[in-house]
Amino acid sequence: YGEISQAIGLKSSRLIGKILSLNTDFKSIPCYKVVKSNGH
């Protein structure tokens, strides 16, 4: 979440999680590939 946040110029990893939770296009947007910064 933090990597994505930095890549797009945000300071909130939590916001990335919130946005990914809104995803409904699971085939095109593989949000399952996003994990916590400790690999969890």
Full PDB file with SEQRES, HELIX, SHEET, SSBOND, CRYST1, ORIGX, SCALE, CONECT and MASTER records, all heavy atoms in Angstrom:
SEQRES   1 A   40  TYR GLY GLU ILE SER GLN ALA ILE GLY LEU LYS SER SER          
SEQRES   2 A   40  ARG LEU ILE GLY LYS ILE LEU SER LEU ASN THR ASP PHE          
SEQRES   3 A   40  LYS SER ILE PRO CYS TYR LYS VAL VAL LYS SER ASN GLY          
SEQRES   4 A   40  HIS                                                          
HELIX    1 AA1 GLY A    2  ALA A    7  1                                   6    
HELIX    2 AA2 SER A   13  SER A   21  1                                   9    
HELIX    3 AA3 CYS A   31  LYS A   33  5                                   3    
CRYST1    1.000    1.000    1.000  90.00  90.00  90.00 P 1           1          
ORIGX1      1.000000  0.000000  0.000000        0.00000                         
ORIGX2      0.000000  1.000000  0.000000        0.00000                         
ORIGX3      0.000000  0.000000  1.000000        0.00000                         
SCALE1      1.000000  0.000000  0.000000        0.00000                         
SCALE2      0.000000  1.000000  0.000000        0.00000                         
SCALE3      0.000000  0.000000  1.000000        0.00000                         
ATOM      1  N   TYR A   1       0.847  -1.190   0.000  1.00  0.00           N  
ATOM      2  CA  TYR A   1       0.000   0.000   0.000  1.00  0.00           C  
ATOM      3  C   TYR A   1       0.890   1.250   0.000  1.00  0.00           C  
ATOM      4  O   TYR A   1       0.619   2.212  -0.706  1.00  0.00           O  
ATOM      5  CB  TYR A   1      -0.918   0.001   1.229  1.00  0.00           C  
ATOM      6  CG  TYR A   1      -1.819  -1.209   1.285  1.00  0.00           C  
ATOM      7  CD1 TYR A   1      -1.490  -2.315   2.068  1.00  0.00           C  
ATOM      8  CD2 TYR A   1      -3.003  -1.260   0.551  1.00  0.00           C  
ATOM      9  CE1 TYR A   1      -2.312  -3.435   2.113  1.00  0.00           C  
ATOM     10  CE2 TYR A   1      -3.834  -2.377   0.591  1.00  0.00           C  
ATOM     11  CZ  TYR A   1      -3.474  -3.456   1.374  1.00  0.00           C  
ATOM     12  OH  TYR A   1      -4.288  -4.563   1.410  1.00  0.00           O  
ATOM     13  N   GLY A   2       1.967   1.211   0.765  1.00  0.00           N  
ATOM     14  CA  GLY A   2       2.898   2.328   0.847  1.00  0.00           C  
ATOM     15  C   GLY A   2       3.617   2.594  -0.462  1.00  0.00           C  
ATOM     16  O   GLY A   2       3.829   3.749  -0.840  1.00  0.00           O  
ATOM     17  N   GLU A   3       4.027   1.530  -1.161  1.00  0.00           N  
ATOM     18  CA  GLU A   3       4.682   1.692  -2.458  1.00  0.00           C  
ATOM     19  C   GLU A   3       3.759   2.400  -3.446  1.00  0.00           C  
ATOM     20  O   GLU A   3       4.185   3.297  -4.163  1.00  0.00           O  
ATOM     21  CB  GLU A   3       5.106   0.333  -3.031  1.00  0.00           C  
ATOM     22  CG  GLU A   3       6.333  -0.261  -2.408  1.00  0.00           C  
ATOM     23  CD  GLU A   3       7.610   0.478  -2.777  1.00  0.00           C  
ATOM     24  OE1 GLU A   3       7.702   1.043  -3.885  1.00  0.00           O  
ATOM     25  OE2 GLU A   3       8.517   0.500  -1.935  1.00  0.00           O  
ATOM     26  N   ILE A   4       2.511   1.987  -3.475  1.00  0.00           N  
ATOM     27  CA  ILE A   4       1.545   2.626  -4.384  1.00  0.00           C  
ATOM     28  C   ILE A   4       1.345   4.078  -3.976  1.00  0.00           C  
ATOM     29  O   ILE A   4       1.341   4.979  -4.814  1.00  0.00           O  
ATOM     30  CB  ILE A   4       0.204   1.865  -4.397  1.00  0.00           C  
ATOM     31  CG1 ILE A   4       0.395   0.481  -5.016  1.00  0.00           C  
ATOM     32  CG2 ILE A   4      -0.852   2.663  -5.173  1.00  0.00           C  
ATOM     33  CD1 ILE A   4      -0.803  -0.422  -4.896  1.00  0.00           C  
ATOM     34  N   SER A   5       1.207   4.306  -2.685  1.00  0.00           N  
ATOM     35  CA  SER A   5       1.018   5.659  -2.174  1.00  0.00           C  
ATOM     36  C   SER A   5       2.150   6.577  -2.616  1.00  0.00           C  
ATOM     37  O   SER A   5       1.922   7.677  -3.134  1.00  0.00           O  
ATOM     38  CB  SER A   5       0.925   5.612  -0.644  1.00  0.00           C  
ATOM     39  OG  SER A   5       0.749   6.886  -0.110  1.00  0.00           O  
ATOM     40  N   GLN A   6       3.375   6.123  -2.464  1.00  0.00           N  
ATOM     41  CA  GLN A   6       4.535   6.913  -2.884  1.00  0.00           C  
ATOM     42  C   GLN A   6       4.563   7.102  -4.396  1.00  0.00           C  
ATOM     43  O   GLN A   6       4.881   8.183  -4.892  1.00  0.00           O  
ATOM     44  CB  GLN A   6       5.831   6.246  -2.442  1.00  0.00           C  
ATOM     45  CG  GLN A   6       6.095   6.377  -0.966  1.00  0.00           C  
ATOM     46  CD  GLN A   6       7.401   5.708  -0.572  1.00  0.00           C  
ATOM     47  OE1 GLN A   6       7.962   4.903  -1.310  1.00  0.00           O  
ATOM     48  NE2 GLN A   6       7.883   6.039   0.617  1.00  0.00           N  
ATOM     49  N   ALA A   7       4.228   6.064  -5.126  1.00  0.00           N  
ATOM     50  CA  ALA A   7       4.288   6.118  -6.592  1.00  0.00           C  
ATOM     51  C   ALA A   7       3.355   7.174  -7.175  1.00  0.00           C  
ATOM     52  O   ALA A   7       3.663   7.774  -8.194  1.00  0.00           O  
ATOM     53  CB  ALA A   7       3.969   4.750  -7.186  1.00  0.00           C  
ATOM     54  N   ILE A   8       2.219   7.381  -6.509  1.00  0.00           N  
ATOM     55  CA  ILE A   8       1.267   8.356  -7.049  1.00  0.00           C  
ATOM     56  C   ILE A   8       1.279   9.676  -6.272  1.00  0.00           C  
ATOM     57  O   ILE A   8       0.460  10.557  -6.530  1.00  0.00           O  
ATOM     58  CB  ILE A   8      -0.160   7.774  -7.150  1.00  0.00           C  
ATOM     59  CG1 ILE A   8      -0.726   7.431  -5.780  1.00  0.00           C  
ATOM     60  CG2 ILE A   8      -0.177   6.569  -8.070  1.00  0.00           C  
ATOM     61  CD1 ILE A   8      -2.196   7.038  -5.825  1.00  0.00           C  
ATOM     62  N   GLY A   9       2.216   9.798  -5.330  1.00  0.00           N  
ATOM     63  CA  GLY A   9       2.396  11.064  -4.635  1.00  0.00           C  
ATOM     64  C   GLY A   9       1.456  11.321  -3.476  1.00  0.00           C  
ATOM     65  O   GLY A   9       1.178  12.468  -3.148  1.00  0.00           O  
ATOM     66  N   LEU A  10       0.983  10.269  -2.836  1.00  0.00           N  
ATOM     67  CA  LEU A  10       0.128  10.413  -1.654  1.00  0.00           C  
ATOM     68  C   LEU A  10       0.929  10.134  -0.394  1.00  0.00           C  
ATOM     69  O   LEU A  10       1.993   9.532  -0.453  1.00  0.00           O  
ATOM     70  CB  LEU A  10      -1.044   9.425  -1.698  1.00  0.00           C  
ATOM     71  CG  LEU A  10      -2.148   9.694  -2.689  1.00  0.00           C  
ATOM     72  CD1 LEU A  10      -3.189   8.596  -2.604  1.00  0.00           C  
ATOM     73  CD2 LEU A  10      -2.795  11.038  -2.440  1.00  0.00           C  
ATOM     74  N   LYS A  11       0.380  10.513   0.735  1.00  0.00           N  
ATOM     75  CA  LYS A  11       1.038  10.232   2.010  1.00  0.00           C  
ATOM     76  C   LYS A  11       0.250   9.228   2.841  1.00  0.00           C  
ATOM     77  O   LYS A  11       0.623   8.943   3.961  1.00  0.00           O  
ATOM     78  CB  LYS A  11       1.227  11.523   2.794  1.00  0.00           C  
ATOM     79  CG  LYS A  11       2.186  12.461   2.114  1.00  0.00           C  
ATOM     80  CD  LYS A  11       2.512  13.643   2.945  1.00  0.00           C  
ATOM     81  CE  LYS A  11       3.499  14.466   2.160  1.00  0.00           C  
ATOM     82  NZ  LYS A  11       3.966  15.637   2.747  1.00  0.00           N  
ATOM     83  N   SER A  12      -0.812   8.677   2.300  1.00  0.00           N  
ATOM     84  CA  SER A  12      -1.676   7.793   3.069  1.00  0.00           C  
ATOM     85  C   SER A  12      -1.801   6.403   2.450  1.00  0.00           C  
ATOM     86  O   SER A  12      -2.461   6.223   1.430  1.00  0.00           O  
ATOM     87  CB  SER A  12      -3.068   8.411   3.211  1.00  0.00           C  
ATOM     88  OG  SER A  12      -3.943   7.519   3.860  1.00  0.00           O  
ATOM     89  N   SER A  13      -1.178   5.427   3.103  1.00  0.00           N  
ATOM     90  CA  SER A  13      -1.335   4.039   2.653  1.00  0.00           C  
ATOM     91  C   SER A  13      -2.747   3.543   2.936  1.00  0.00           C  
ATOM     92  O   SER A  13      -3.263   2.703   2.209  1.00  0.00           O  
ATOM     93  CB  SER A  13      -0.368   3.105   3.367  1.00  0.00           C  
ATOM     94  OG  SER A  13       0.829   3.691   3.651  1.00  0.00           O  
ATOM     95  N   ARG A  14      -3.338   4.045   3.995  1.00  0.00           N  
ATOM     96  CA  ARG A  14      -4.702   3.626   4.340  1.00  0.00           C  
ATOM     97  C   ARG A  14      -5.690   4.004   3.247  1.00  0.00           C  
ATOM     98  O   ARG A  14      -6.626   3.265   2.963  1.00  0.00           O  
ATOM     99  CB  ARG A  14      -5.139   4.225   5.675  1.00  0.00           C  
ATOM    100  CG  ARG A  14      -4.419   3.616   6.852  1.00  0.00           C  
ATOM    101  CD  ARG A  14      -4.920   4.221   8.145  1.00  0.00           C  
ATOM    102  NE  ARG A  14      -4.151   3.735   9.261  1.00  0.00           N  
ATOM    103  CZ  ARG A  14      -4.550   2.765  10.076  1.00  0.00           C  
ATOM    104  NH1 ARG A  14      -5.712   2.186   9.869  1.00  0.00           N  
ATOM    105  NH2 ARG A  14      -3.795   2.379  11.071  1.00  0.00           N  
ATOM    106  N   LEU A  15      -5.473   5.160   2.635  1.00  0.00           N  
ATOM    107  CA  LEU A  15      -6.345   5.588   1.550  1.00  0.00           C  
ATOM    108  C   LEU A  15      -6.226   4.627   0.366  1.00  0.00           C  
ATOM    109  O   LEU A  15      -7.225   4.323  -0.287  1.00  0.00           O  
ATOM    110  CB  LEU A  15      -6.018   7.017   1.121  1.00  0.00           C  
ATOM    111  CG  LEU A  15      -6.881   7.611   0.006  1.00  0.00           C  
ATOM    112  CD1 LEU A  15      -8.370   7.564   0.360  1.00  0.00           C  
ATOM    113  CD2 LEU A  15      -6.455   9.039  -0.281  1.00  0.00           C  
ATOM    114  N   ILE A  16      -5.035   4.115   0.133  1.00  0.00           N  
ATOM    115  CA  ILE A  16      -4.845   3.135  -0.946  1.00  0.00           C  
ATOM    116  C   ILE A  16      -5.686   1.896  -0.649  1.00  0.00           C  
ATOM    117  O   ILE A  16      -6.373   1.368  -1.528  1.00  0.00           O  
ATOM    118  CB  ILE A  16      -3.356   2.751  -1.096  1.00  0.00           C  
ATOM    119  CG1 ILE A  16      -2.488   3.980  -1.397  1.00  0.00           C  
ATOM    120  CG2 ILE A  16      -3.186   1.672  -2.163  1.00  0.00           C  
ATOM    121  CD1 ILE A  16      -2.882   4.766  -2.626  1.00  0.00           C  
ATOM    122  N   GLY A  17      -5.646   1.429   0.588  1.00  0.00           N  
ATOM    123  CA  GLY A  17      -6.458   0.277   0.987  1.00  0.00           C  
ATOM    124  C   GLY A  17      -7.935   0.535   0.786  1.00  0.00           C  
ATOM    125  O   GLY A  17      -8.676  -0.332   0.309  1.00  0.00           O  
ATOM    126  N   LYS A  18      -8.384   1.724   1.142  1.00  0.00           N  
ATOM    127  CA  LYS A  18      -9.795   2.091   0.975  1.00  0.00           C  
ATOM    128  C   LYS A  18     -10.174   2.065  -0.506  1.00  0.00           C  
ATOM    129  O   LYS A  18     -11.204   1.514  -0.885  1.00  0.00           O  
ATOM    130  CB  LYS A  18     -10.039   3.478   1.579  1.00  0.00           C  
ATOM    131  CG  LYS A  18     -11.406   4.040   1.330  1.00  0.00           C  
ATOM    132  CD  LYS A  18     -12.487   3.206   1.978  1.00  0.00           C  
ATOM    133  CE  LYS A  18     -13.846   3.851   1.756  1.00  0.00           C  
ATOM    134  NZ  LYS A  18     -14.931   2.942   2.086  1.00  0.00           N  
ATOM    135  N   ILE A  19      -9.320   2.645  -1.328  1.00  0.00           N  
ATOM    136  CA  ILE A  19      -9.597   2.670  -2.769  1.00  0.00           C  
ATOM    137  C   ILE A  19      -9.635   1.253  -3.336  1.00  0.00           C  
ATOM    138  O   ILE A  19     -10.526   0.905  -4.110  1.00  0.00           O  
ATOM    139  CB  ILE A  19      -8.563   3.545  -3.506  1.00  0.00           C  
ATOM    140  CG1 ILE A  19      -8.782   5.016  -3.134  1.00  0.00           C  
ATOM    141  CG2 ILE A  19      -8.646   3.346  -5.023  1.00  0.00           C  
ATOM    142  CD1 ILE A  19      -7.678   5.946  -3.572  1.00  0.00           C  
ATOM    143  N   LEU A  20      -8.690   0.417  -2.942  1.00  0.00           N  
ATOM    144  CA  LEU A  20      -8.674  -0.963  -3.445  1.00  0.00           C  
ATOM    145  C   LEU A  20      -9.898  -1.743  -2.980  1.00  0.00           C  
ATOM    146  O   LEU A  20     -10.372  -2.631  -3.688  1.00  0.00           O  
ATOM    147  CB  LEU A  20      -7.385  -1.666  -3.027  1.00  0.00           C  
ATOM    148  CG  LEU A  20      -6.117  -1.132  -3.696  1.00  0.00           C  
ATOM    149  CD1 LEU A  20      -4.891  -1.843  -3.151  1.00  0.00           C  
ATOM    150  CD2 LEU A  20      -6.189  -1.241  -5.204  1.00  0.00           C  
ATOM    151  N   SER A  21     -10.430  -1.396  -1.816  1.00  0.00           N  
ATOM    152  CA  SER A  21     -11.630  -2.094  -1.320  1.00  0.00           C  
ATOM    153  C   SER A  21     -12.855  -1.769  -2.187  1.00  0.00           C  
ATOM    154  O   SER A  21     -13.845  -2.495  -2.140  1.00  0.00           O  
ATOM    155  CB  SER A  21     -11.903  -1.738   0.134  1.00  0.00           C  
ATOM    156  OG  SER A  21     -12.438  -0.427   0.256  1.00  0.00           O  
ATOM    157  N   LEU A  22     -12.781  -0.711  -2.971  1.00  0.00           N  
ATOM    158  CA  LEU A  22     -13.885  -0.327  -3.859  1.00  0.00           C  
ATOM    159  C   LEU A  22     -13.813  -1.008  -5.222  1.00  0.00           C  
ATOM    160  O   LEU A  22     -14.748  -0.906  -6.013  1.00  0.00           O  
ATOM    161  CB  LEU A  22     -13.880   1.198  -4.058  1.00  0.00           C  
ATOM    162  CG  LEU A  22     -14.005   2.046  -2.792  1.00  0.00           C  
ATOM    163  CD1 LEU A  22     -13.807   3.522  -3.123  1.00  0.00           C  
ATOM    164  CD2 LEU A  22     -15.332   1.808  -2.111  1.00  0.00           C  
ATOM    165  N   ASN A  23     -12.711  -1.694  -5.493  1.00  0.00           N  
ATOM    166  CA  ASN A  23     -12.521  -2.351  -6.786  1.00  0.00           C  
ATOM    167  C   ASN A  23     -13.574  -3.434  -7.024  1.00  0.00           C  
ATOM    168  O   ASN A  23     -13.812  -4.274  -6.171  1.00  0.00           O  
ATOM    169  CB  ASN A  23     -11.120  -2.977  -6.838  1.00  0.00           C  
ATOM    170  CG  ASN A  23     -10.866  -3.733  -8.122  1.00  0.00           C  
ATOM    171  OD1 ASN A  23     -11.401  -3.410  -9.170  1.00  0.00           O  
ATOM    172  ND2 ASN A  23     -10.028  -4.745  -8.034  1.00  0.00           N  
ATOM    173  N   THR A  24     -14.177  -3.396  -8.193  1.00  0.00           N  
ATOM    174  CA  THR A  24     -15.130  -4.449  -8.576  1.00  0.00           C  
ATOM    175  C   THR A  24     -14.683  -5.172  -9.850  1.00  0.00           C  
ATOM    176  O   THR A  24     -15.313  -6.128 -10.268  1.00  0.00           O  
ATOM    177  CB  THR A  24     -16.537  -3.857  -8.809  1.00  0.00           C  
ATOM    178  OG1 THR A  24     -16.457  -2.832  -9.800  1.00  0.00           O  
ATOM    179  CG2 THR A  24     -17.113  -3.279  -7.517  1.00  0.00           C  
ATOM    180  N   ASP A  25     -13.597  -4.705 -10.442  1.00  0.00           N  
ATOM    181  CA  ASP A  25     -13.087  -5.297 -11.688  1.00  0.00           C  
ATOM    182  C   ASP A  25     -11.865  -6.160 -11.372  1.00  0.00           C  
ATOM    183  O   ASP A  25     -10.735  -5.798 -11.653  1.00  0.00           O  
ATOM    184  CB  ASP A  25     -12.725  -4.181 -12.671  1.00  0.00           C  
ATOM    185  CG  ASP A  25     -12.321  -4.718 -14.032  1.00  0.00           C  
ATOM    186  OD1 ASP A  25     -12.364  -5.956 -14.234  1.00  0.00           O  
ATOM    187  OD2 ASP A  25     -11.944  -3.903 -14.889  1.00  0.00           O  
ATOM    188  N   PHE A  26     -12.109  -7.304 -10.768  1.00  0.00           N  
ATOM    189  CA  PHE A  26     -11.034  -8.156 -10.262  1.00  0.00           C  
ATOM    190  C   PHE A  26     -10.159  -8.754 -11.355  1.00  0.00           C  
ATOM    191  O   PHE A  26      -9.004  -9.053 -11.125  1.00  0.00           O  
ATOM    192  CB  PHE A  26     -11.609  -9.275  -9.387  1.00  0.00           C  
ATOM    193  CG  PHE A  26     -12.484  -8.750  -8.285  1.00  0.00           C  
ATOM    194  CD1 PHE A  26     -13.848  -8.952  -8.308  1.00  0.00           C  
ATOM    195  CD2 PHE A  26     -11.932  -8.030  -7.241  1.00  0.00           C  
ATOM    196  CE1 PHE A  26     -14.651  -8.462  -7.301  1.00  0.00           C  
ATOM    197  CE2 PHE A  26     -12.732  -7.525  -6.238  1.00  0.00           C  
ATOM    198  CZ  PHE A  26     -14.098  -7.741  -6.267  1.00  0.00           C  
ATOM    199  N   LYS A  27     -10.709  -8.917 -12.548  1.00  0.00           N  
ATOM    200  CA  LYS A  27      -9.913  -9.481 -13.642  1.00  0.00           C  
ATOM    201  C   LYS A  27      -8.894  -8.484 -14.182  1.00  0.00           C  
ATOM    202  O   LYS A  27      -7.772  -8.838 -14.480  1.00  0.00           O  
ATOM    203  CB  LYS A  27     -10.827  -9.969 -14.766  1.00  0.00           C  
ATOM    204  CG  LYS A  27     -11.606 -11.208 -14.387  1.00  0.00           C  
ATOM    205  CD  LYS A  27     -12.323 -11.794 -15.569  1.00  0.00           C  
ATOM    206  CE  LYS A  27     -13.158 -12.968 -15.124  1.00  0.00           C  
ATOM    207  NZ  LYS A  27     -12.812 -14.190 -15.753  1.00  0.00           N  
ATOM    208  N   SER A  28      -9.278  -7.224 -14.296  1.00  0.00           N  
ATOM    209  CA  SER A  28      -8.386  -6.206 -14.852  1.00  0.00           C  
ATOM    210  C   SER A  28      -7.492  -5.544 -13.809  1.00  0.00           C  
ATOM    211  O   SER A  28      -6.406  -5.080 -14.129  1.00  0.00           O  
ATOM    212  CB  SER A  28      -9.205  -5.107 -15.540  1.00  0.00           C  
ATOM    213  OG  SER A  28      -9.909  -5.640 -16.624  1.00  0.00           O  
ATOM    214  N   ILE A  29      -7.978  -5.481 -12.577  1.00  0.00           N  
ATOM    215  CA  ILE A  29      -7.240  -4.792 -11.516  1.00  0.00           C  
ATOM    216  C   ILE A  29      -6.903  -5.806 -10.426  1.00  0.00           C  
ATOM    217  O   ILE A  29      -7.720  -6.090  -9.548  1.00  0.00           O  
ATOM    218  CB  ILE A  29      -8.065  -3.625 -10.948  1.00  0.00           C  
ATOM    219  CG1 ILE A  29      -8.478  -2.686 -12.081  1.00  0.00           C  
ATOM    220  CG2 ILE A  29      -7.271  -2.883  -9.877  1.00  0.00           C  
ATOM    221  CD1 ILE A  29      -9.634  -1.790 -11.764  1.00  0.00           C  
ATOM    222  N   PRO A  30      -5.691  -6.377 -10.484  1.00  0.00           N  
ATOM    223  CA  PRO A  30      -5.314  -7.456  -9.563  1.00  0.00           C  
ATOM    224  C   PRO A  30      -4.899  -6.948  -8.179  1.00  0.00           C  
ATOM    225  O   PRO A  30      -3.744  -7.047  -7.776  1.00  0.00           O  
ATOM    226  CB  PRO A  30      -4.152  -8.120 -10.289  1.00  0.00           C  
ATOM    227  CG  PRO A  30      -3.509  -6.998 -11.028  1.00  0.00           C  
ATOM    228  CD  PRO A  30      -4.630  -6.088 -11.447  1.00  0.00           C  
ATOM    229  N   CYS A  31      -5.871  -6.407  -7.440  1.00  0.00           N  
ATOM    230  CA  CYS A  31      -5.540  -5.804  -6.151  1.00  0.00           C  
ATOM    231  C   CYS A  31      -5.098  -6.839  -5.114  1.00  0.00           C  
ATOM    232  O   CYS A  31      -4.568  -6.466  -4.067  1.00  0.00           O  
ATOM    233  CB  CYS A  31      -6.684  -4.950  -5.643  1.00  0.00           C  
ATOM    234  SG  CYS A  31      -8.248  -5.785  -5.479  1.00  0.00           S  
ATOM    235  N   TYR A  32      -5.254  -8.122  -5.406  1.00  0.00           N  
ATOM    236  CA  TYR A  32      -4.764  -9.154  -4.497  1.00  0.00           C  
ATOM    237  C   TYR A  32      -3.243  -9.121  -4.380  1.00  0.00           C  
ATOM    238  O   TYR A  32      -2.669  -9.686  -3.448  1.00  0.00           O  
ATOM    239  CB  TYR A  32      -5.236 -10.547  -4.935  1.00  0.00           C  
ATOM    240  CG  TYR A  32      -4.633 -11.024  -6.239  1.00  0.00           C  
ATOM    241  CD1 TYR A  32      -3.441 -11.749  -6.237  1.00  0.00           C  
ATOM    242  CD2 TYR A  32      -5.237 -10.759  -7.447  1.00  0.00           C  
ATOM    243  CE1 TYR A  32      -2.871 -12.189  -7.428  1.00  0.00           C  
ATOM    244  CE2 TYR A  32      -4.687 -11.188  -8.639  1.00  0.00           C  
ATOM    245  CZ  TYR A  32      -3.504 -11.894  -8.623  1.00  0.00           C  
ATOM    246  OH  TYR A  32      -2.936 -12.317  -9.805  1.00  0.00           O  
ATOM    247  N   LYS A  33      -2.574  -8.432  -5.302  1.00  0.00           N  
ATOM    248  CA  LYS A  33      -1.107  -8.351  -5.295  1.00  0.00           C  
ATOM    249  C   LYS A  33      -0.576  -7.295  -4.329  1.00  0.00           C  
ATOM    250  O   LYS A  33       0.622  -7.084  -4.249  1.00  0.00           O  
ATOM    251  CB  LYS A  33      -0.585  -8.035  -6.699  1.00  0.00           C  
ATOM    252  CG  LYS A  33      -0.852  -9.124  -7.711  1.00  0.00           C  
ATOM    253  CD  LYS A  33      -0.292  -8.721  -9.057  1.00  0.00           C  
ATOM    254  CE  LYS A  33      -0.527  -9.798 -10.101  1.00  0.00           C  
ATOM    255  NZ  LYS A  33       0.148  -9.473 -11.360  1.00  0.00           N  
ATOM    256  N   VAL A  34      -1.454  -6.628  -3.599  1.00  0.00           N  
ATOM    257  CA  VAL A  34      -1.048  -5.575  -2.676  1.00  0.00           C  
ATOM    258  C   VAL A  34      -1.118  -6.118  -1.247  1.00  0.00           C  
ATOM    259  O   VAL A  34      -2.148  -6.619  -0.814  1.00  0.00           O  
ATOM    260  CB  VAL A  34      -1.935  -4.319  -2.825  1.00  0.00           C  
ATOM    261  CG1 VAL A  34      -1.429  -3.201  -1.925  1.00  0.00           C  
ATOM    262  CG2 VAL A  34      -1.975  -3.865  -4.283  1.00  0.00           C  
ATOM    263  N   VAL A  35       0.021  -6.011  -0.552  1.00  0.00           N  
ATOM    264  CA  VAL A  35       0.134  -6.535   0.817  1.00  0.00           C  
ATOM    265  C   VAL A  35       0.704  -5.456   1.740  1.00  0.00           C  
ATOM    266  O   VAL A  35       1.107  -4.387   1.295  1.00  0.00           O  
ATOM    267  CB  VAL A  35       1.029  -7.801   0.854  1.00  0.00           C  
ATOM    268  CG1 VAL A  35       0.435  -8.910  -0.013  1.00  0.00           C  
ATOM    269  CG2 VAL A  35       2.455  -7.490   0.409  1.00  0.00           C  
ATOM    270  N   LYS A  36       0.756  -5.779   3.018  1.00  0.00           N  
ATOM    271  CA  LYS A  36       1.324  -4.845   3.987  1.00  0.00           C  
ATOM    272  C   LYS A  36       2.834  -4.722   3.792  1.00  0.00           C  
ATOM    273  O   LYS A  36       3.472  -5.597   3.209  1.00  0.00           O  
ATOM    274  CB  LYS A  36       1.041  -5.327   5.407  1.00  0.00           C  
ATOM    275  CG  LYS A  36      -0.409  -5.217   5.811  1.00  0.00           C  
ATOM    276  CD  LYS A  36      -0.559  -5.606   7.266  1.00  0.00           C  
ATOM    277  CE  LYS A  36      -1.960  -5.361   7.762  1.00  0.00           C  
ATOM    278  NZ  LYS A  36      -2.082  -5.671   9.191  1.00  0.00           N  
ATOM    279  N   SER A  37       3.404  -3.659   4.340  1.00  0.00           N  
ATOM    280  CA  SER A  37       4.834  -3.381   4.158  1.00  0.00           C  
ATOM    281  C   SER A  37       5.744  -4.413   4.821  1.00  0.00           C  
ATOM    282  O   SER A  37       6.925  -4.477   4.520  1.00  0.00           O  
ATOM    283  CB  SER A  37       5.179  -1.981   4.683  1.00  0.00           C  
ATOM    284  OG  SER A  37       4.889  -1.897   6.058  1.00  0.00           O  
ATOM    285  N   ASN A  38       5.196  -5.252   5.697  1.00  0.00           N  
ATOM    286  CA  ASN A  38       5.986  -6.318   6.314  1.00  0.00           C  
ATOM    287  C   ASN A  38       5.792  -7.662   5.609  1.00  0.00           C  
ATOM    288  O   ASN A  38       6.277  -8.689   6.065  1.00  0.00           O  
ATOM    289  CB  ASN A  38       5.648  -6.446   7.802  1.00  0.00           C  
ATOM    290  CG  ASN A  38       4.201  -6.840   8.051  1.00  0.00           C  
ATOM    291  OD1 ASN A  38       3.418  -7.030   7.129  1.00  0.00           O  
ATOM    292  ND2 ASN A  38       3.842  -6.944   9.314  1.00  0.00           N  
ATOM    293  N   GLY A  39       5.071  -7.640   4.474  1.00  0.00           N  
ATOM    294  CA  GLY A  39       4.829  -8.861   3.715  1.00  0.00           C  
ATOM    295  C   GLY A  39       3.624  -9.646   4.166  1.00  0.00           C  
ATOM    296  O   GLY A  39       3.313 -10.703   3.624  1.00  0.00           O  
ATOM    297  N   HIS A  40       2.908  -9.139   5.148  1.00  0.00           N  
ATOM    298  CA  HIS A  40       1.733  -9.821   5.670  1.00  0.00           C  
ATOM    299  C   HIS A  40       0.553  -9.642   4.712  1.00  0.00           C  
ATOM    300  O   HIS A  40       0.301  -8.538   4.236  1.00  0.00           O  
ATOM    301  CB  HIS A  40       1.383  -9.275   7.060  1.00  0.00           C  
ATOM    302  CG  HIS A  40       0.506 -10.164   7.851  1.00  0.00           C  
ATOM    303  ND1 HIS A  40       1.007 -11.156   8.659  1.00  0.00           N  
ATOM    304  CD2 HIS A  40      -0.833 -10.224   7.951  1.00  0.00           C  
ATOM    305  CE1 HIS A  40       0.002 -11.793   9.238  1.00  0.00           C  
ATOM    306  NE2 HIS A  40      -1.129 -11.239   8.814  1.00  0.00           N  
TER     307      HIS A  40                                                      
MASTER        0    0    0    3    0    0    0    6  306    1    0    4          
END                                                                             
